[in-house]
N, C-alpha and C. Protein backbone atom coordinates (compact mmCIF):
# COMPACT_ATOMS: atom_id res chain seq x y z
N UNK A 1 51.74 300.53 3.93
CA UNK A 1 51.95 299.67 3.73
C UNK A 1 53.55 299.59 4.63
N UNK A 2 53.91 300.73 5.18
CA UNK A 2 55.19 301.04 5.92
C UNK A 2 55.46 300.18 6.95
N UNK A 3 53.47 300.37 7.28
CA UNK A 3 52.99 299.75 8.96
C UNK A 3 53.10 298.20 9.17
N UNK A 4 52.92 297.95 7.84
CA UNK A 4 52.95 296.20 7.66
C UNK A 4 54.43 295.92 7.21
N UNK A 5 55.44 296.41 6.72
CA UNK A 5 56.55 295.49 6.92
C UNK A 5 56.95 296.21 8.35
N UNK A 6 56.86 297.33 9.29
CA UNK A 6 57.18 297.25 10.55
C UNK A 6 56.38 295.93 11.64
N UNK A 7 55.87 296.17 10.90
CA UNK A 7 54.71 295.01 11.90
C UNK A 7 54.59 292.92 11.20
N UNK A 8 54.42 292.87 10.24
CA UNK A 8 54.62 291.39 9.73
C UNK A 8 56.36 291.36 9.55
N UNK A 9 57.21 291.48 9.51
CA UNK A 9 58.73 291.42 8.70
C UNK A 9 59.24 290.77 10.49
N UNK A 10 58.79 291.68 11.81
CA UNK A 10 58.94 290.93 13.13
C UNK A 10 58.24 290.37 12.93
N UNK A 11 56.99 289.49 13.56
CA UNK A 11 56.62 288.89 13.79
C UNK A 11 56.37 287.46 12.69
N UNK A 12 56.94 287.83 11.38
CA UNK A 12 57.90 286.58 11.03
C UNK A 12 58.86 285.80 11.19
N UNK A 13 59.24 287.29 11.76
CA UNK A 13 60.80 286.61 11.78
C UNK A 13 60.94 285.86 13.42
N UNK A 14 59.96 286.09 14.10
CA UNK A 14 59.90 285.44 14.98
C UNK A 14 59.07 284.35 14.66
N UNK A 15 58.29 283.91 14.79
CA UNK A 15 58.04 282.26 14.09
C UNK A 15 58.79 281.86 13.47
N UNK A 16 59.24 281.98 12.31
CA UNK A 16 60.42 281.40 11.77
C UNK A 16 61.87 281.09 13.04
N UNK A 17 61.81 281.95 14.15
CA UNK A 17 62.44 281.74 14.96
C UNK A 17 62.61 280.43 16.42
N UNK A 18 61.38 281.14 16.59
CA UNK A 18 60.23 279.62 17.19
C UNK A 18 60.51 278.32 17.04
N UNK A 19 59.95 278.63 15.68
CA UNK A 19 59.66 277.31 14.71
C UNK A 19 61.20 276.87 14.54
N UNK A 20 62.00 277.10 14.66
CA UNK A 20 63.02 276.51 14.82
C UNK A 20 63.76 275.94 15.73
N UNK A 21 63.65 276.52 16.89
CA UNK A 21 63.91 275.97 17.89
C UNK A 21 63.21 274.89 18.60
N UNK A 22 61.76 274.80 18.23
CA UNK A 22 60.65 273.92 18.53
C UNK A 22 61.56 272.47 17.57
N UNK A 23 62.01 273.04 16.11
CA UNK A 23 62.61 272.05 15.73
C UNK A 23 63.53 271.04 15.58
N UNK A 24 64.21 272.30 17.22
CA UNK A 24 65.60 271.41 17.34
C UNK A 24 65.25 270.83 18.30
N UNK A 25 64.23 270.82 19.08
CA UNK A 25 64.13 270.52 20.19
C UNK A 25 63.72 268.48 19.99
N UNK A 26 64.91 267.92 21.16
CA UNK A 26 64.05 265.86 20.77
C UNK A 26 63.09 266.40 21.30
N UNK A 27 62.12 265.30 20.24
CA UNK A 27 61.26 264.63 20.69
C UNK A 27 61.27 263.20 21.99
N UNK A 28 60.90 263.39 22.81
CA UNK A 28 61.42 262.41 24.13
C UNK A 28 60.62 261.07 23.56
N UNK A 29 61.24 260.12 23.38
CA UNK A 29 60.68 258.61 23.31
C UNK A 29 60.53 257.94 24.59
N UNK A 30 59.75 257.38 24.77
CA UNK A 30 59.45 256.36 25.67
C UNK A 30 60.11 255.16 25.57
N UNK A 31 60.90 254.67 27.00
CA UNK A 31 62.08 253.27 26.96
C UNK A 31 60.94 252.49 26.57
N UNK A 32 61.02 251.25 25.40
CA UNK A 32 60.36 250.41 25.17
C UNK A 32 60.34 249.60 26.80
N UNK A 33 59.43 248.90 26.43
CA UNK A 33 58.74 248.29 27.68
C UNK A 33 58.87 246.56 27.50
N UNK A 34 59.83 246.10 28.32
CA UNK A 34 60.70 244.50 28.08
C UNK A 34 59.23 243.89 28.36
N UNK A 35 59.05 242.76 27.23
CA UNK A 35 58.20 242.16 27.41
C UNK A 35 58.91 240.67 27.16
N UNK A 36 57.82 240.03 28.42
CA UNK A 36 58.69 237.94 29.19
C UNK A 36 58.33 237.24 27.07
N UNK A 37 59.46 236.54 26.96
CA UNK A 37 59.67 235.63 25.59
C UNK A 37 58.72 234.24 25.85
N UNK A 38 57.69 234.15 25.43
CA UNK A 38 57.03 232.99 25.58
C UNK A 38 57.69 231.87 24.74
N UNK A 39 58.60 230.65 24.80
CA UNK A 39 58.88 230.13 23.25
C UNK A 39 57.50 229.22 23.69
N UNK A 40 57.79 228.91 22.14
CA UNK A 40 56.55 228.53 21.17
C UNK A 40 56.75 226.97 22.09
N UNK A 41 55.63 226.77 22.39
CA UNK A 41 55.23 225.53 23.61
C UNK A 41 54.75 224.51 22.44
N UNK A 42 54.62 223.41 22.12
CA UNK A 42 53.96 222.35 21.54
C UNK A 42 52.36 222.38 21.85
N UNK A 43 51.25 222.18 20.91
CA UNK A 43 49.52 222.09 22.43
C UNK A 43 49.86 220.35 22.36
N UNK A 44 49.39 220.68 23.88
CA UNK A 44 48.98 219.14 24.17
C UNK A 44 47.05 218.62 23.04
N UNK A 45 47.28 217.76 22.55
CA UNK A 45 46.07 216.91 22.07
C UNK A 45 45.75 217.26 23.18
N UNK A 46 44.09 217.20 22.41
CA UNK A 46 42.69 217.54 23.12
C UNK A 46 42.82 216.67 24.00
N UNK A 47 41.35 216.27 25.45
CA UNK A 47 41.62 215.15 26.58
C UNK A 47 40.81 214.63 25.42
N UNK A 48 40.67 213.26 26.05
CA UNK A 48 39.72 212.13 25.83
C UNK A 48 38.60 211.89 26.96
N UNK A 49 37.62 212.56 26.26
CA UNK A 49 36.44 212.59 27.22
C UNK A 49 35.21 211.34 26.83
N UNK A 50 35.04 211.06 27.92
CA UNK A 50 34.25 209.91 26.91
C UNK A 50 32.26 210.46 27.21
N UNK A 51 32.79 210.68 25.85
CA UNK A 51 30.42 211.70 25.87
C UNK A 51 30.72 211.35 24.19
N UNK A 52 29.29 211.80 24.11
CA UNK A 52 28.81 212.23 22.09
C UNK A 52 28.86 213.02 22.28
N UNK A 53 29.56 213.81 22.66
CA UNK A 53 29.23 215.54 21.64
C UNK A 53 30.04 216.42 23.79
N UNK A 54 30.81 217.30 23.21
CA UNK A 54 31.48 218.58 24.30
C UNK A 54 32.49 219.09 23.72
N UNK A 55 32.42 220.40 24.23
CA UNK A 55 33.22 221.15 23.58
C UNK A 55 34.54 222.35 24.79
N UNK A 56 35.65 222.68 25.25
CA UNK A 56 36.09 223.10 25.16
C UNK A 56 36.14 224.70 25.21
N UNK A 57 35.98 225.25 25.47
CA UNK A 57 36.21 226.44 25.13
C UNK A 57 36.79 228.52 25.86
N UNK A 58 37.57 229.15 25.56
CA UNK A 58 38.25 230.15 26.59
C UNK A 58 36.58 231.12 26.97
N UNK A 59 36.45 231.10 28.21
CA UNK A 59 35.77 231.94 28.58
C UNK A 59 36.37 233.36 28.32
N UNK A 60 37.91 233.91 27.45
CA UNK A 60 37.77 235.78 27.94
C UNK A 60 37.15 235.62 26.92
N UNK A 61 37.60 235.02 25.27
CA UNK A 61 36.88 235.17 23.91
C UNK A 61 36.35 234.67 23.36
N UNK A 62 35.71 233.20 23.73
CA UNK A 62 34.53 232.94 23.42
C UNK A 62 35.26 231.44 22.20
N UNK A 63 36.76 231.03 22.34
CA UNK A 63 37.41 230.87 21.00
C UNK A 63 37.23 229.06 21.41
N UNK A 64 36.89 228.41 20.37
CA UNK A 64 36.58 226.87 20.84
C UNK A 64 38.06 226.43 20.53
N UNK A 65 38.32 225.45 21.62
CA UNK A 65 39.57 225.31 21.91
C UNK A 65 39.81 223.91 21.31
N UNK A 66 39.09 223.18 21.36
CA UNK A 66 38.97 221.57 21.62
C UNK A 66 37.82 220.85 21.11
N UNK A 67 36.69 220.41 20.42
CA UNK A 67 35.54 220.08 20.49
C UNK A 67 35.37 218.00 20.24
N UNK A 68 34.05 218.04 20.48
CA UNK A 68 34.28 216.46 19.44
C UNK A 68 32.70 216.93 19.85
N UNK A 69 31.73 216.94 18.16
CA UNK A 69 30.94 216.60 17.57
C UNK A 69 29.79 218.25 18.64
N UNK A 70 30.39 219.34 17.81
CA UNK A 70 30.18 220.12 18.62
C UNK A 70 28.65 220.94 18.16
N UNK A 71 28.02 219.99 17.22
CA UNK A 71 26.73 220.68 16.70
C UNK A 71 25.81 219.35 16.69
N UNK A 72 26.01 218.24 16.69
CA UNK A 72 25.41 217.24 17.32
C UNK A 72 24.38 217.85 18.40
N UNK A 73 22.97 217.64 18.85
CA UNK A 73 22.34 218.52 19.80
C UNK A 73 21.98 217.14 20.17
N UNK A 74 22.10 217.76 21.66
CA UNK A 74 22.41 216.87 22.73
C UNK A 74 21.52 217.28 23.99
N UNK A 75 19.90 216.35 24.75
CA UNK A 75 19.99 216.97 26.26
C UNK A 75 20.64 217.07 27.05
N UNK A 76 20.16 218.52 27.80
CA UNK A 76 20.90 218.31 28.83
C UNK A 76 20.46 217.34 29.90
N UNK A 77 21.84 217.26 30.73
CA UNK A 77 22.20 216.16 32.25
C UNK A 77 21.25 216.52 33.05
N UNK A 78 20.70 216.05 33.97
CA UNK A 78 20.20 216.96 35.14
C UNK A 78 19.31 218.29 34.69
N UNK A 79 18.28 217.65 33.72
CA UNK A 79 17.00 218.89 34.21
C UNK A 79 16.89 219.39 34.23
N UNK A 80 16.71 218.36 35.74
CA UNK A 80 15.19 218.96 37.01
C UNK A 80 16.26 219.33 37.74
N UNK A 81 17.61 219.73 38.08
CA UNK A 81 18.27 219.47 38.71
C UNK A 81 18.15 221.54 38.30
N UNK A 82 18.51 221.29 36.80
CA UNK A 82 18.82 222.81 36.43
C UNK A 82 17.91 223.72 36.33
N UNK A 83 16.49 223.09 36.30
CA UNK A 83 15.65 223.71 36.37
C UNK A 83 15.21 224.29 38.00
N UNK A 84 15.46 223.31 38.92
CA UNK A 84 15.36 223.30 40.49
C UNK A 84 16.21 224.88 40.43
N UNK A 85 17.11 224.83 40.95
CA UNK A 85 18.03 226.12 40.84
C UNK A 85 17.60 227.04 40.27
N UNK A 86 16.67 226.76 38.82
CA UNK A 86 16.10 228.11 38.35
C UNK A 86 15.01 229.11 38.66
N UNK A 87 14.16 227.79 39.37
CA UNK A 87 13.40 228.59 40.09
C UNK A 87 13.77 228.66 41.58
N UNK A 88 14.50 227.82 42.49
CA UNK A 88 14.95 228.64 43.92
C UNK A 88 15.38 230.36 44.25
N UNK A 89 16.27 229.76 42.78
CA UNK A 89 16.88 231.72 42.24
C UNK A 89 16.63 232.57 41.60
N UNK A 90 14.97 232.17 41.17
CA UNK A 90 13.87 232.97 40.86
C UNK A 90 13.13 233.87 42.30
N UNK A 91 12.99 232.61 43.25
CA UNK A 91 12.05 232.65 44.28
C UNK A 91 13.17 234.26 45.31
N UNK A 92 14.95 233.36 45.14
CA UNK A 92 15.04 234.19 46.51
C UNK A 92 15.45 235.97 45.62
N UNK A 93 15.73 236.10 44.48
CA UNK A 93 15.86 236.45 43.44
C UNK A 93 14.50 237.72 43.77
N UNK A 94 13.53 236.92 44.14
CA UNK A 94 11.81 237.94 44.71
C UNK A 94 11.23 238.19 45.97
N UNK A 95 12.85 237.76 46.85
CA UNK A 95 12.44 237.49 48.28
C UNK A 95 11.82 237.11 49.06
N UNK A 96 10.93 236.34 48.57
CA UNK A 96 10.31 234.70 48.79
C UNK A 96 10.72 234.46 49.89
N UNK A 97 11.96 233.58 49.30
CA UNK A 97 12.57 232.74 50.09
C UNK A 97 14.43 233.78 49.76
N UNK A 98 15.45 233.29 50.89
CA UNK A 98 16.60 233.62 51.99
C UNK A 98 17.92 233.29 51.83
N UNK A 99 18.70 233.08 51.54
CA UNK A 99 19.92 232.07 51.27
C UNK A 99 20.24 231.13 52.73
N UNK A 100 19.71 232.01 54.05
CA UNK A 100 20.00 231.55 54.53
C UNK A 100 18.95 230.86 55.61
N UNK A 101 18.39 230.72 54.82
CA UNK A 101 16.29 229.77 55.28
C UNK A 101 17.39 228.26 55.01
N UNK A 102 17.05 227.88 56.64
CA UNK A 102 17.37 225.96 56.67
C UNK A 102 16.44 225.71 56.30
N UNK A 103 16.44 224.40 55.82
CA UNK A 103 16.42 223.20 54.68
C UNK A 103 16.55 221.91 55.90
N UNK A 104 15.39 221.31 56.34
CA UNK A 104 15.71 219.99 56.62
C UNK A 104 15.69 218.44 56.22
N UNK A 105 17.61 218.63 56.13
CA UNK A 105 17.28 217.10 55.19
C UNK A 105 16.23 215.60 55.85
N UNK A 106 15.43 215.62 55.05
CA UNK A 106 14.20 214.07 55.16
C UNK A 106 14.92 213.33 54.80
N UNK A 107 14.20 212.38 55.76
CA UNK A 107 15.05 210.66 55.39
C UNK A 107 14.75 210.34 54.08
N UNK A 108 13.65 210.90 53.53
CA UNK A 108 13.40 210.51 51.92
C UNK A 108 14.76 211.30 50.97
N UNK A 109 15.20 212.12 51.19
CA UNK A 109 16.18 213.19 50.35
C UNK A 109 17.87 211.99 51.11
N UNK A 110 17.35 211.87 52.08
CA UNK A 110 18.83 211.27 52.97
C UNK A 110 19.11 209.68 51.81
N UNK A 111 17.33 209.09 51.54
CA UNK A 111 18.01 207.89 50.91
C UNK A 111 17.73 208.28 49.70
N UNK A 112 16.44 208.33 48.95
CA UNK A 112 17.46 208.34 47.68
C UNK A 112 18.36 208.87 47.18
N UNK A 113 18.73 209.73 47.76
CA UNK A 113 19.59 210.40 46.97
C UNK A 113 21.22 211.22 48.16
N UNK A 114 21.04 209.68 49.22
CA UNK A 114 22.57 210.46 49.33
C UNK A 114 23.63 209.44 49.47
N UNK A 115 24.54 208.73 49.91
CA UNK A 115 25.84 208.47 49.97
C UNK A 115 25.21 207.17 49.49
N UNK A 116 24.26 206.10 50.30
CA UNK A 116 24.49 205.46 49.87
C UNK A 116 23.22 204.78 48.31
N UNK A 117 22.69 205.82 47.64
CA UNK A 117 23.40 205.19 45.47
C UNK A 117 24.22 205.16 45.40
N UNK A 118 24.01 204.95 44.03
CA UNK A 118 24.90 204.98 42.91
C UNK A 118 24.80 206.43 42.38
N UNK A 119 24.62 207.13 42.40
CA UNK A 119 24.43 208.71 42.01
C UNK A 119 25.30 209.54 43.46
N UNK A 120 24.87 210.45 42.33
CA UNK A 120 26.03 211.94 43.35
C UNK A 120 25.22 212.70 44.55
N UNK A 121 25.89 212.83 45.29
CA UNK A 121 25.49 213.09 46.37
C UNK A 121 26.43 214.74 47.45
N UNK A 122 25.81 214.90 47.79
CA UNK A 122 26.33 215.79 48.57
C UNK A 122 26.29 215.86 50.02
N UNK A 123 26.32 214.65 50.73
CA UNK A 123 26.46 214.10 51.86
C UNK A 123 26.08 214.32 52.58
N UNK A 124 24.27 214.87 52.84
CA UNK A 124 24.33 215.97 54.05
C UNK A 124 24.19 215.04 55.42
N UNK A 125 23.59 214.71 56.19
CA UNK A 125 23.39 214.44 57.07
C UNK A 125 21.67 214.37 56.94
N UNK A 126 21.22 213.52 57.95
CA UNK A 126 19.90 213.19 58.25
C UNK A 126 19.11 213.27 59.02
N UNK A 127 18.59 214.84 58.86
CA UNK A 127 17.99 215.64 59.90
C UNK A 127 18.75 216.80 59.94
N UNK A 128 19.30 216.96 59.30
CA UNK A 128 19.96 218.15 59.61
C UNK A 128 20.22 218.91 59.29
N UNK A 129 20.14 220.74 59.36
CA UNK A 129 19.23 222.08 59.47
C UNK A 129 20.63 222.46 58.32
N UNK A 130 19.57 222.36 57.30
CA UNK A 130 21.71 223.30 56.02
C UNK A 130 20.87 224.56 55.78
N UNK A 131 21.60 225.69 55.55
CA UNK A 131 20.69 226.53 54.42
C UNK A 131 20.65 226.84 53.21
N UNK A 132 19.57 227.49 53.12
CA UNK A 132 19.00 227.56 51.67
C UNK A 132 20.57 227.46 50.48
N UNK A 133 21.14 227.82 51.09
CA UNK A 133 22.52 228.46 50.17
C UNK A 133 23.49 227.51 49.59
N UNK A 134 24.31 226.11 51.15
CA UNK A 134 24.66 225.43 51.11
C UNK A 134 23.76 224.13 50.05
N UNK A 135 22.31 224.28 49.86
CA UNK A 135 22.09 223.35 49.41
C UNK A 135 22.28 223.11 48.10
N UNK A 136 21.80 224.71 47.53
CA UNK A 136 22.27 225.27 46.17
C UNK A 136 23.83 225.00 45.80
N UNK A 137 24.68 225.04 46.28
CA UNK A 137 26.00 224.61 46.11
C UNK A 137 26.54 223.21 45.96
N UNK A 138 25.39 222.61 46.78
CA UNK A 138 24.91 221.14 46.38
C UNK A 138 24.74 220.40 45.94
N UNK A 139 23.66 221.28 45.01
CA UNK A 139 22.78 220.60 43.58
C UNK A 139 23.69 221.16 42.50
N UNK A 140 24.18 222.65 42.46
CA UNK A 140 24.81 222.52 41.70
C UNK A 140 26.57 222.58 41.54
N UNK A 141 27.06 222.22 42.37
CA UNK A 141 28.30 222.62 42.30
C UNK A 141 29.29 220.71 42.14
N UNK A 142 28.46 219.60 42.94
CA UNK A 142 28.84 218.42 43.29
C UNK A 142 27.34 217.36 42.26
N UNK A 143 26.11 217.95 41.62
CA UNK A 143 24.82 217.66 41.34
C UNK A 143 24.45 216.93 42.99
N UNK A 144 24.18 217.08 43.38
CA UNK A 144 23.59 216.17 44.62
C UNK A 144 22.90 216.05 44.51
N UNK A 145 22.27 214.56 44.58
CA UNK A 145 20.88 214.48 44.32
C UNK A 145 20.00 214.49 45.27
N UNK A 146 20.97 214.39 46.92
CA UNK A 146 20.32 214.40 47.83
C UNK A 146 19.82 216.44 47.91
N UNK A 147 20.37 216.91 47.88
CA UNK A 147 20.60 218.40 47.54
C UNK A 147 19.11 219.21 46.56
N UNK A 148 19.50 218.51 45.71
CA UNK A 148 18.10 218.20 44.46
C UNK A 148 16.40 218.04 45.57
N UNK A 149 16.33 216.77 45.84
CA UNK A 149 15.34 216.21 46.52
C UNK A 149 15.17 216.97 47.87
N UNK A 150 15.80 217.43 48.94
CA UNK A 150 15.67 218.89 49.57
C UNK A 150 15.04 219.09 49.39
N UNK A 151 15.75 219.51 48.02
CA UNK A 151 15.12 221.61 48.28
C UNK A 151 13.57 221.25 47.44
N UNK A 152 13.28 219.53 47.02
CA UNK A 152 12.38 219.58 46.51
C UNK A 152 11.05 219.46 47.38
N UNK A 153 11.74 218.82 48.37
CA UNK A 153 10.69 218.57 49.50
C UNK A 153 10.97 219.81 50.48
N UNK A 154 11.76 219.89 51.02
CA UNK A 154 11.74 220.47 52.47
C UNK A 154 11.88 222.26 52.43
N UNK A 155 12.38 222.47 51.01
CA UNK A 155 12.34 223.42 50.99
C UNK A 155 11.33 224.69 50.96
N UNK A 156 12.10 226.18 51.48
CA UNK A 156 10.87 227.18 52.04
C UNK A 156 10.19 227.42 51.06
N UNK A 157 10.56 227.06 49.40
CA UNK A 157 9.94 226.75 48.57
C UNK A 157 8.48 226.65 48.45
N UNK A 158 7.53 226.48 49.12
CA UNK A 158 6.40 225.54 49.14
C UNK A 158 6.36 224.56 47.69
N UNK A 159 5.93 225.93 46.63
CA UNK A 159 5.52 225.49 45.63
C UNK A 159 6.06 225.29 44.75
N UNK A 160 7.23 224.74 44.77
CA UNK A 160 8.19 224.06 44.52
C UNK A 160 7.58 223.29 43.12
N UNK A 161 7.54 222.33 43.76
CA UNK A 161 7.06 221.18 42.16
C UNK A 161 6.19 221.38 41.59
N UNK A 162 4.84 221.94 42.23
CA UNK A 162 4.00 223.18 41.08
C UNK A 162 4.87 224.39 40.10
N UNK A 163 5.44 224.35 40.51
CA UNK A 163 6.40 225.45 39.53
C UNK A 163 6.95 224.92 38.61
N UNK A 164 8.14 224.10 38.79
CA UNK A 164 8.47 223.32 38.17
C UNK A 164 7.51 222.17 37.04
């Protein structure tokens, strides 16, 4: 019993002293980080879009910000251009063609989809050699009819009409 008193009493006293010392040391608190104050701004009205249906969505969150007939089923515009991009991109991914491959802008592509038409165009020059990458940009970004025709007729993707 003496052994327990001699061992436990000093140990208990030491534990109490350490606990009291730790309890008196203040815990550091990080300083608050100032945050910019964003004033409440009025929400602008939705855009006036001349279309049967449309949706404006926040890319990061997927939240629909504004819409008109969001559940209305409509056919996509330029479906042939979308399929052309799909097929050419698949051929690039498979290594059958390369983004640097030149494509000759034929008279048919130039006349049929060029600046002299009422449709959208990439303003490609007749008989010019255009890298496949630039034609895809013209097809996707500008919805260029001339780029679509050139890809369909003069592309290194020889099987394009059959693949579509």
